[in-house]
Structures are given as structure tokens and as C-alpha cells.
mmCIF file of all heavy atoms, coordinates in Angstrom:
data_MODEL
# 
_entry.id   MODEL 
# 
loop_
_atom_site.group_PDB 
_atom_site.id 
_atom_site.type_symbol 
_atom_site.label_atom_id 
_atom_site.label_alt_id 
_atom_site.label_comp_id 
_atom_site.label_asym_id 
_atom_site.label_entity_id 
_atom_site.label_seq_id 
_atom_site.pdbx_PDB_ins_code 
_atom_site.Cartn_x 
_atom_site.Cartn_y 
_atom_site.Cartn_z 
_atom_site.occupancy 
_atom_site.B_iso_or_equiv 
_atom_site.pdbx_formal_charge 
_atom_site.auth_seq_id 
_atom_site.auth_comp_id 
_atom_site.auth_asym_id 
_atom_site.auth_atom_id 
_atom_site.pdbx_PDB_model_num 
ATOM 1   N N   . MET A 1 1  ? -93.329  182.845 -37.365 1.00 0.00 ? 1  MET A N   1 
ATOM 2   C CA  . MET A 1 1  ? -93.551  181.740 -38.250 1.00 0.00 ? 1  MET A CA  1 
ATOM 3   C C   . MET A 1 1  ? -95.031  181.659 -38.575 1.00 0.00 ? 1  MET A C   1 
ATOM 4   O O   . MET A 1 1  ? -95.866  181.723 -37.688 1.00 0.00 ? 1  MET A O   1 
ATOM 5   C CB  . MET A 1 1  ? -93.075  180.445 -37.599 1.00 0.00 ? 1  MET A CB  1 
ATOM 6   C CG  . MET A 1 1  ? -93.367  179.246 -38.447 1.00 0.00 ? 1  MET A CG  1 
ATOM 7   S SD  . MET A 1 1  ? -92.691  177.720 -37.814 1.00 0.00 ? 1  MET A SD  1 
ATOM 8   C CE  . MET A 1 1  ? -93.698  177.437 -36.416 1.00 0.00 ? 1  MET A CE  1 
ATOM 9   N N   . ALA A 1 2  ? -95.343  181.499 -39.826 1.00 0.00 ? 2  ALA A N   1 
ATOM 10  C CA  . ALA A 1 2  ? -96.728  181.363 -40.266 1.00 0.00 ? 2  ALA A CA  1 
ATOM 11  C C   . ALA A 1 2  ? -97.026  179.900 -40.553 1.00 0.00 ? 2  ALA A C   1 
ATOM 12  O O   . ALA A 1 2  ? -96.230  179.197 -41.163 1.00 0.00 ? 2  ALA A O   1 
ATOM 13  C CB  . ALA A 1 2  ? -96.960  182.186 -41.524 1.00 0.00 ? 2  ALA A CB  1 
ATOM 14  N N   . PHE A 1 3  ? -98.197  179.455 -40.076 1.00 0.00 ? 3  PHE A N   1 
ATOM 15  C CA  . PHE A 1 3  ? -98.620  178.073 -40.312 1.00 0.00 ? 3  PHE A CA  1 
ATOM 16  C C   . PHE A 1 3  ? -100.126 178.040 -40.406 1.00 0.00 ? 3  PHE A C   1 
ATOM 17  O O   . PHE A 1 3  ? -100.829 178.459 -39.494 1.00 0.00 ? 3  PHE A O   1 
ATOM 18  C CB  . PHE A 1 3  ? -98.127  177.179 -39.176 1.00 0.00 ? 3  PHE A CB  1 
ATOM 19  C CG  . PHE A 1 3  ? -98.662  175.766 -39.230 1.00 0.00 ? 3  PHE A CG  1 
ATOM 20  C CD1 . PHE A 1 3  ? -98.522  174.987 -40.363 1.00 0.00 ? 3  PHE A CD1 1 
ATOM 21  C CD2 . PHE A 1 3  ? -99.289  175.211 -38.133 1.00 0.00 ? 3  PHE A CD2 1 
ATOM 22  C CE1 . PHE A 1 3  ? -98.990  173.684 -40.404 1.00 0.00 ? 3  PHE A CE1 1 
ATOM 23  C CE2 . PHE A 1 3  ? -99.759  173.914 -38.162 1.00 0.00 ? 3  PHE A CE2 1 
ATOM 24  C CZ  . PHE A 1 3  ? -99.609  173.150 -39.302 1.00 0.00 ? 3  PHE A CZ  1 
ATOM 25  N N   . LYS A 1 4  ? -100.615 177.561 -41.529 1.00 0.00 ? 4  LYS A N   1 
ATOM 26  C CA  . LYS A 1 4  ? -102.046 177.416 -41.729 1.00 0.00 ? 4  LYS A CA  1 
ATOM 27  C C   . LYS A 1 4  ? -102.267 176.126 -42.504 1.00 0.00 ? 4  LYS A C   1 
ATOM 28  O O   . LYS A 1 4  ? -101.685 175.935 -43.571 1.00 0.00 ? 4  LYS A O   1 
ATOM 29  C CB  . LYS A 1 4  ? -102.617 178.601 -42.501 1.00 0.00 ? 4  LYS A CB  1 
ATOM 30  C CG  . LYS A 1 4  ? -104.115 178.556 -42.627 1.00 0.00 ? 4  LYS A CG  1 
ATOM 31  C CD  . LYS A 1 4  ? -104.638 179.823 -43.248 1.00 0.00 ? 4  LYS A CD  1 
ATOM 32  C CE  . LYS A 1 4  ? -106.157 179.799 -43.258 1.00 0.00 ? 4  LYS A CE  1 
ATOM 33  N NZ  . LYS A 1 4  ? -106.695 181.046 -43.782 1.00 0.00 ? 4  LYS A NZ  1 
ATOM 34  N N   . ALA A 1 5  ? -103.078 175.233 -41.925 1.00 0.00 ? 5  ALA A N   1 
ATOM 35  C CA  . ALA A 1 5  ? -103.304 173.947 -42.571 1.00 0.00 ? 5  ALA A CA  1 
ATOM 36  C C   . ALA A 1 5  ? -104.709 173.452 -42.269 1.00 0.00 ? 5  ALA A C   1 
ATOM 37  O O   . ALA A 1 5  ? -105.268 173.736 -41.215 1.00 0.00 ? 5  ALA A O   1 
ATOM 38  C CB  . ALA A 1 5  ? -102.291 172.927 -42.091 1.00 0.00 ? 5  ALA A CB  1 
ATOM 39  N N   . THR A 1 6  ? -105.247 172.695 -43.200 1.00 0.00 ? 6  THR A N   1 
ATOM 40  C CA  . THR A 1 6  ? -106.540 172.050 -43.039 1.00 0.00 ? 6  THR A CA  1 
ATOM 41  C C   . THR A 1 6  ? -106.360 170.584 -43.417 1.00 0.00 ? 6  THR A C   1 
ATOM 42  O O   . THR A 1 6  ? -105.800 170.275 -44.471 1.00 0.00 ? 6  THR A O   1 
ATOM 43  C CB  . THR A 1 6  ? -107.598 172.688 -43.966 1.00 0.00 ? 6  THR A CB  1 
ATOM 44  O OG1 . THR A 1 6  ? -107.626 174.095 -43.747 1.00 0.00 ? 6  THR A OG1 1 
ATOM 45  C CG2 . THR A 1 6  ? -108.966 172.106 -43.700 1.00 0.00 ? 6  THR A CG2 1 
ATOM 46  N N   . ILE A 1 7  ? -106.830 169.705 -42.525 1.00 0.00 ? 7  ILE A N   1 
ATOM 47  C CA  . ILE A 1 7  ? -106.711 168.266 -42.763 1.00 0.00 ? 7  ILE A CA  1 
ATOM 48  C C   . ILE A 1 7  ? -107.924 167.586 -42.143 1.00 0.00 ? 7  ILE A C   1 
ATOM 49  O O   . ILE A 1 7  ? -108.499 168.095 -41.166 1.00 0.00 ? 7  ILE A O   1 
ATOM 50  C CB  . ILE A 1 7  ? -105.389 167.715 -42.167 1.00 0.00 ? 7  ILE A CB  1 
ATOM 51  C CG1 . ILE A 1 7  ? -105.123 166.275 -42.611 1.00 0.00 ? 7  ILE A CG1 1 
ATOM 52  C CG2 . ILE A 1 7  ? -105.369 167.834 -40.667 1.00 0.00 ? 7  ILE A CG2 1 
ATOM 53  C CD1 . ILE A 1 7  ? -103.741 165.753 -42.260 1.00 0.00 ? 7  ILE A CD1 1 
ATOM 54  N N   . GLU A 1 8  ? -108.321 166.459 -42.708 1.00 0.00 ? 8  GLU A N   1 
ATOM 55  C CA  . GLU A 1 8  ? -109.417 165.679 -42.132 1.00 0.00 ? 8  GLU A CA  1 
ATOM 56  C C   . GLU A 1 8  ? -109.010 165.205 -40.734 1.00 0.00 ? 8  GLU A C   1 
ATOM 57  O O   . GLU A 1 8  ? -107.888 164.716 -40.545 1.00 0.00 ? 8  GLU A O   1 
ATOM 58  C CB  . GLU A 1 8  ? -109.741 164.473 -43.005 1.00 0.00 ? 8  GLU A CB  1 
ATOM 59  C CG  . GLU A 1 8  ? -110.325 164.828 -44.354 1.00 0.00 ? 8  GLU A CG  1 
ATOM 60  C CD  . GLU A 1 8  ? -111.737 165.366 -44.250 1.00 0.00 ? 8  GLU A CD  1 
ATOM 61  O OE1 . GLU A 1 8  ? -112.499 164.928 -43.350 1.00 0.00 ? 8  GLU A OE1 1 
ATOM 62  O OE2 . GLU A 1 8  ? -112.078 166.243 -45.062 1.00 0.00 ? 8  GLU A OE2 1 
ATOM 63  N N   . ALA A 1 9  ? -109.891 165.339 -39.764 1.00 0.00 ? 9  ALA A N   1 
ATOM 64  C CA  . ALA A 1 9  ? -109.589 164.959 -38.386 1.00 0.00 ? 9  ALA A CA  1 
ATOM 65  C C   . ALA A 1 9  ? -109.199 163.489 -38.284 1.00 0.00 ? 9  ALA A C   1 
ATOM 66  O O   . ALA A 1 9  ? -108.273 163.135 -37.544 1.00 0.00 ? 9  ALA A O   1 
ATOM 67  C CB  . ALA A 1 9  ? -110.775 165.260 -37.483 1.00 0.00 ? 9  ALA A CB  1 
ATOM 68  N N   . ASP A 1 10 ? -109.881 162.614 -39.027 1.00 0.00 ? 10 ASP A N   1 
ATOM 69  C CA  . ASP A 1 10 ? -109.568 161.179 -38.966 1.00 0.00 ? 10 ASP A CA  1 
ATOM 70  C C   . ASP A 1 10 ? -108.150 160.882 -39.448 1.00 0.00 ? 10 ASP A C   1 
ATOM 71  O O   . ASP A 1 10 ? -107.482 160.013 -38.898 1.00 0.00 ? 10 ASP A O   1 
ATOM 72  C CB  . ASP A 1 10 ? -110.567 160.372 -39.796 1.00 0.00 ? 10 ASP A CB  1 
ATOM 73  C CG  . ASP A 1 10 ? -111.950 160.347 -39.168 1.00 0.00 ? 10 ASP A CG  1 
ATOM 74  O OD1 . ASP A 1 10 ? -112.056 160.621 -37.953 1.00 0.00 ? 10 ASP A OD1 1 
ATOM 75  O OD2 . ASP A 1 10 ? -112.918 160.060 -39.892 1.00 0.00 ? 10 ASP A OD2 1 
ATOM 76  N N   . VAL A 1 11 ? -107.703 161.594 -40.459 1.00 0.00 ? 11 VAL A N   1 
ATOM 77  C CA  . VAL A 1 11 ? -106.346 161.389 -40.987 1.00 0.00 ? 11 VAL A CA  1 
ATOM 78  C C   . VAL A 1 11 ? -105.312 161.754 -39.924 1.00 0.00 ? 11 VAL A C   1 
ATOM 79  O O   . VAL A 1 11 ? -104.388 160.986 -39.649 1.00 0.00 ? 11 VAL A O   1 
ATOM 80  C CB  . VAL A 1 11 ? -106.117 162.216 -42.276 1.00 0.00 ? 11 VAL A CB  1 
ATOM 81  C CG1 . VAL A 1 11 ? -104.658 162.153 -42.710 1.00 0.00 ? 11 VAL A CG1 1 
ATOM 82  C CG2 . VAL A 1 11 ? -107.038 161.746 -43.380 1.00 0.00 ? 11 VAL A CG2 1 
ATOM 83  N N   . LEU A 1 12 ? -105.491 162.897 -39.298 1.00 0.00 ? 12 LEU A N   1 
ATOM 84  C CA  . LEU A 1 12 ? -104.546 163.333 -38.270 1.00 0.00 ? 12 LEU A CA  1 
ATOM 85  C C   . LEU A 1 12 ? -104.632 162.448 -37.031 1.00 0.00 ? 12 LEU A C   1 
ATOM 86  O O   . LEU A 1 12 ? -103.608 162.078 -36.451 1.00 0.00 ? 12 LEU A O   1 
ATOM 87  C CB  . LEU A 1 12 ? -104.786 164.797 -37.908 1.00 0.00 ? 12 LEU A CB  1 
ATOM 88  C CG  . LEU A 1 12 ? -103.725 165.465 -37.051 1.00 0.00 ? 12 LEU A CG  1 
ATOM 89  C CD1 . LEU A 1 12 ? -102.352 165.382 -37.697 1.00 0.00 ? 12 LEU A CD1 1 
ATOM 90  C CD2 . LEU A 1 12 ? -104.094 166.907 -36.774 1.00 0.00 ? 12 LEU A CD2 1 
ATOM 91  N N   . ARG A 1 13 ? -105.830 162.062 -36.633 1.00 0.00 ? 13 ARG A N   1 
ATOM 92  C CA  . ARG A 1 13 ? -106.018 161.191 -35.471 1.00 0.00 ? 13 ARG A CA  1 
ATOM 93  C C   . ARG A 1 13 ? -105.302 159.851 -35.697 1.00 0.00 ? 13 ARG A C   1 
ATOM 94  O O   . ARG A 1 13 ? -104.600 159.354 -34.816 1.00 0.00 ? 13 ARG A O   1 
ATOM 95  C CB  . ARG A 1 13 ? -107.498 160.967 -35.210 1.00 0.00 ? 13 ARG A CB  1 
ATOM 96  C CG  . ARG A 1 13 ? -107.792 160.223 -33.922 1.00 0.00 ? 13 ARG A CG  1 
ATOM 97  C CD  . ARG A 1 13 ? -109.288 160.036 -33.675 1.00 0.00 ? 13 ARG A CD  1 
ATOM 98  N NE  . ARG A 1 13 ? -109.969 161.298 -33.513 1.00 0.00 ? 13 ARG A NE  1 
ATOM 99  C CZ  . ARG A 1 13 ? -110.918 161.747 -34.348 1.00 0.00 ? 13 ARG A CZ  1 
ATOM 100 N NH1 . ARG A 1 13 ? -111.290 161.046 -35.391 1.00 0.00 ? 13 ARG A NH1 1 
ATOM 101 N NH2 . ARG A 1 13 ? -111.498 162.921 -34.133 1.00 0.00 ? 13 ARG A NH2 1 
ATOM 102 N N   . ASP A 1 14 ? -105.478 159.266 -36.871 1.00 0.00 ? 14 ASP A N   1 
ATOM 103 C CA  . ASP A 1 14 ? -104.829 157.988 -37.174 1.00 0.00 ? 14 ASP A CA  1 
ATOM 104 C C   . ASP A 1 14 ? -103.311 158.121 -37.220 1.00 0.00 ? 14 ASP A C   1 
ATOM 105 O O   . ASP A 1 14 ? -102.586 157.220 -36.790 1.00 0.00 ? 14 ASP A O   1 
ATOM 106 C CB  . ASP A 1 14 ? -105.332 157.437 -38.510 1.00 0.00 ? 14 ASP A CB  1 
ATOM 107 C CG  . ASP A 1 14 ? -106.774 156.961 -38.452 1.00 0.00 ? 14 ASP A CG  1 
ATOM 108 O OD1 . ASP A 1 14 ? -107.318 156.801 -37.332 1.00 0.00 ? 14 ASP A OD1 1 
ATOM 109 O OD2 . ASP A 1 14 ? -107.366 156.769 -39.529 1.00 0.00 ? 14 ASP A OD2 1 
ATOM 110 N N   . ALA A 1 15 ? -102.825 159.224 -37.726 1.00 0.00 ? 15 ALA A N   1 
ATOM 111 C CA  . ALA A 1 15 ? -101.381 159.438 -37.823 1.00 0.00 ? 15 ALA A CA  1 
ATOM 112 C C   . ALA A 1 15 ? -100.745 159.662 -36.450 1.00 0.00 ? 15 ALA A C   1 
ATOM 113 O O   . ALA A 1 15 ? -99.629  159.202 -36.197 1.00 0.00 ? 15 ALA A O   1 
ATOM 114 C CB  . ALA A 1 15 ? -101.088 160.629 -38.731 1.00 0.00 ? 15 ALA A CB  1 
ATOM 115 N N   . LEU A 1 16 ? -101.458 160.335 -35.562 1.00 0.00 ? 16 LEU A N   1 
ATOM 116 C CA  . LEU A 1 16 ? -100.893 160.665 -34.254 1.00 0.00 ? 16 LEU A CA  1 
ATOM 117 C C   . LEU A 1 16 ? -101.091 159.574 -33.214 1.00 0.00 ? 16 LEU A C   1 
ATOM 118 O O   . LEU A 1 16 ? -100.443 159.598 -32.167 1.00 0.00 ? 16 LEU A O   1 
ATOM 119 C CB  . LEU A 1 16 ? -101.488 161.978 -33.733 1.00 0.00 ? 16 LEU A CB  1 
ATOM 120 C CG  . LEU A 1 16 ? -101.136 163.222 -34.526 1.00 0.00 ? 16 LEU A CG  1 
ATOM 121 C CD1 . LEU A 1 16 ? -101.826 164.434 -33.934 1.00 0.00 ? 16 LEU A CD1 1 
ATOM 122 C CD2 . LEU A 1 16 ? -99.637  163.434 -34.574 1.00 0.00 ? 16 LEU A CD2 1 
ATOM 123 N N   . GLY A 1 17 ? -101.941 158.596 -33.485 1.00 0.00 ? 17 GLY A N   1 
ATOM 124 C CA  . GLY A 1 17 ? -102.226 157.535 -32.519 1.00 0.00 ? 17 GLY A CA  1 
ATOM 125 C C   . GLY A 1 17 ? -100.990 156.828 -31.991 1.00 0.00 ? 17 GLY A C   1 
ATOM 126 O O   . GLY A 1 17 ? -100.786 156.759 -30.769 1.00 0.00 ? 17 GLY A O   1 
ATOM 127 N N   . PRO A 1 18 ? -100.136 156.296 -32.858 1.00 0.00 ? 18 PRO A N   1 
ATOM 128 C CA  . PRO A 1 18 ? -98.936  155.608 -32.357 1.00 0.00 ? 18 PRO A CA  1 
ATOM 129 C C   . PRO A 1 18 ? -97.977  156.539 -31.613 1.00 0.00 ? 18 PRO A C   1 
ATOM 130 O O   . PRO A 1 18 ? -97.317  156.125 -30.664 1.00 0.00 ? 18 PRO A O   1 
ATOM 131 C CB  . PRO A 1 18 ? -98.258  155.082 -33.624 1.00 0.00 ? 18 PRO A CB  1 
ATOM 132 C CG  . PRO A 1 18 ? -99.327  155.058 -34.658 1.00 0.00 ? 18 PRO A CG  1 
ATOM 133 C CD  . PRO A 1 18 ? -100.266 156.169 -34.301 1.00 0.00 ? 18 PRO A CD  1 
ATOM 134 N N   . ILE A 1 19 ? -97.922  157.784 -32.021 1.00 0.00 ? 19 ILE A N   1 
ATOM 135 C CA  . ILE A 1 19 ? -97.016  158.730 -31.361 1.00 0.00 ? 19 ILE A CA  1 
ATOM 136 C C   . ILE A 1 19 ? -97.512  159.064 -29.966 1.00 0.00 ? 19 ILE A C   1 
ATOM 137 O O   . ILE A 1 19 ? -96.747  159.087 -29.010 1.00 0.00 ? 19 ILE A O   1 
ATOM 138 C CB  . ILE A 1 19 ? -96.843  160.007 -32.216 1.00 0.00 ? 19 ILE A CB  1 
ATOM 139 C CG1 . ILE A 1 19 ? -96.142  159.648 -33.517 1.00 0.00 ? 19 ILE A CG1 1 
ATOM 140 C CG2 . ILE A 1 19 ? -96.045  161.063 -31.457 1.00 0.00 ? 19 ILE A CG2 1 
ATOM 141 C CD1 . ILE A 1 19 ? -96.058  160.773 -34.507 1.00 0.00 ? 19 ILE A CD1 1 
ATOM 142 N N   . SER A 1 20 ? -98.825  159.303 -29.815 1.00 0.00 ? 20 SER A N   1 
ATOM 143 C CA  . SER A 1 20 ? -99.364  159.654 -28.504 1.00 0.00 ? 20 SER A CA  1 
ATOM 144 C C   . SER A 1 20 ? -99.291  158.483 -27.531 1.00 0.00 ? 20 SER A C   1 
ATOM 145 O O   . SER A 1 20 ? -99.312  158.686 -26.320 1.00 0.00 ? 20 SER A O   1 
ATOM 146 C CB  . SER A 1 20 ? -100.796 160.178 -28.628 1.00 0.00 ? 20 SER A CB  1 
ATOM 147 O OG  . SER A 1 20 ? -101.650 159.183 -29.138 1.00 0.00 ? 20 SER A OG  1 
ATOM 148 N N   . ALA A 1 21 ? -99.193  157.247 -28.037 1.00 0.00 ? 21 ALA A N   1 
ATOM 149 C CA  . ALA A 1 21 ? -98.998  156.091 -27.161 1.00 0.00 ? 21 ALA A CA  1 
ATOM 150 C C   . ALA A 1 21 ? -97.573  156.053 -26.611 1.00 0.00 ? 21 ALA A C   1 
ATOM 151 O O   . ALA A 1 21 ? -97.313  155.423 -25.585 1.00 0.00 ? 21 ALA A O   1 
ATOM 152 C CB  . ALA A 1 21 ? -99.295  154.803 -27.921 1.00 0.00 ? 21 ALA A CB  1 
ATOM 153 N N   . LEU A 1 22 ? -96.666  156.757 -27.279 1.00 0.00 ? 22 LEU A N   1 
ATOM 154 C CA  . LEU A 1 22 ? -95.246  156.721 -26.917 1.00 0.00 ? 22 LEU A CA  1 
ATOM 155 C C   . LEU A 1 22 ? -94.809  157.931 -26.090 1.00 0.00 ? 22 LEU A C   1 
ATOM 156 O O   . LEU A 1 22 ? -94.054  157.792 -25.138 1.00 0.00 ? 22 LEU A O   1 
ATOM 157 C CB  . LEU A 1 22 ? -94.411  156.650 -28.203 1.00 0.00 ? 22 LEU A CB  1 
ATOM 158 C CG  . LEU A 1 22 ? -92.926  156.435 -28.086 1.00 0.00 ? 22 LEU A CG  1 
ATOM 159 C CD1 . LEU A 1 22 ? -92.630  155.042 -27.539 1.00 0.00 ? 22 LEU A CD1 1 
ATOM 160 C CD2 . LEU A 1 22 ? -92.277  156.595 -29.453 1.00 0.00 ? 22 LEU A CD2 1 
ATOM 161 N N   . VAL A 1 23 ? -95.277  159.121 -26.467 1.00 0.00 ? 23 VAL A N   1 
ATOM 162 C CA  . VAL A 1 23 ? -94.848  160.362 -25.814 1.00 0.00 ? 23 VAL A CA  1 
ATOM 163 C C   . VAL A 1 23 ? -96.040  161.282 -25.548 1.00 0.00 ? 23 VAL A C   1 
ATOM 164 O O   . VAL A 1 23 ? -97.103  161.116 -26.139 1.00 0.00 ? 23 VAL A O   1 
ATOM 165 C CB  . VAL A 1 23 ? -93.805  161.127 -26.671 1.00 0.00 ? 23 VAL A CB  1 
ATOM 166 C CG1 . VAL A 1 23 ? -92.550  160.308 -26.860 1.00 0.00 ? 23 VAL A CG1 1 
ATOM 167 C CG2 . VAL A 1 23 ? -94.386  161.519 -28.011 1.00 0.00 ? 23 VAL A CG2 1 
ATOM 168 N N   . ASP A 1 24 ? -95.841  162.269 -24.669 1.00 0.00 ? 24 ASP A N   1 
ATOM 169 C CA  . ASP A 1 24 ? -96.886  163.237 -24.344 1.00 0.00 ? 24 ASP A CA  1 
ATOM 170 C C   . ASP A 1 24 ? -96.801  164.488 -25.211 1.00 0.00 ? 24 ASP A C   1 
ATOM 171 O O   . ASP A 1 24 ? -97.808  165.152 -25.440 1.00 0.00 ? 24 ASP A O   1 
ATOM 172 C CB  . ASP A 1 24 ? -96.791  163.655 -22.873 1.00 0.00 ? 24 ASP A CB  1 
ATOM 173 C CG  . ASP A 1 24 ? -97.053  162.490 -21.938 1.00 0.00 ? 24 ASP A CG  1 
ATOM 174 O OD1 . ASP A 1 24 ? -97.868  161.613 -22.287 1.00 0.00 ? 24 ASP A OD1 1 
ATOM 175 O OD2 . ASP A 1 24 ? -96.429  162.448 -20.857 1.00 0.00 ? 24 ASP A OD2 1 
ATOM 176 N N   . GLU A 1 25 ? -95.594  164.827 -25.623 1.00 0.00 ? 25 GLU A N   1 
ATOM 177 C CA  . GLU A 1 25 ? -95.404  166.008 -26.464 1.00 0.00 ? 25 GLU A CA  1 
ATOM 178 C C   . GLU A 1 25 ? -94.280  165.739 -27.449 1.00 0.00 ? 25 GLU A C   1 
ATOM 179 O O   . GLU A 1 25 ? -93.450  164.856 -27.238 1.00 0.00 ? 25 GLU A O   1 
ATOM 180 C CB  . GLU A 1 25 ? -95.107  167.248 -25.632 1.00 0.00 ? 25 GLU A CB  1 
ATOM 181 C CG  . GLU A 1 25 ? -93.894  167.140 -24.758 1.00 0.00 ? 25 GLU A CG  1 
ATOM 182 C CD  . GLU A 1 25 ? -93.725  168.346 -23.856 1.00 0.00 ? 25 GLU A CD  1 
ATOM 183 O OE1 . GLU A 1 25 ? -94.703  168.862 -23.324 1.00 0.00 ? 25 GLU A OE1 1 
ATOM 184 O OE2 . GLU A 1 25 ? -92.562  168.762 -23.704 1.00 0.00 ? 25 GLU A OE2 1 
# 
């Protein structure tokens, strides 16, 4: 599988915040 992506760190950090509060992986 090929995956290549570029995103602003703040955008990804904000998006993952609620998820990381709920689960580890």
C-alpha cells in the first residue's frame, strides 16, 4: 500500500486530540 501525505501539524494535532483522549491506537 502506498501512502504519502503532507498536512499542517496543528491541523492533525487538533483533529487527533479527542481521539487520543479516548484510545491509545
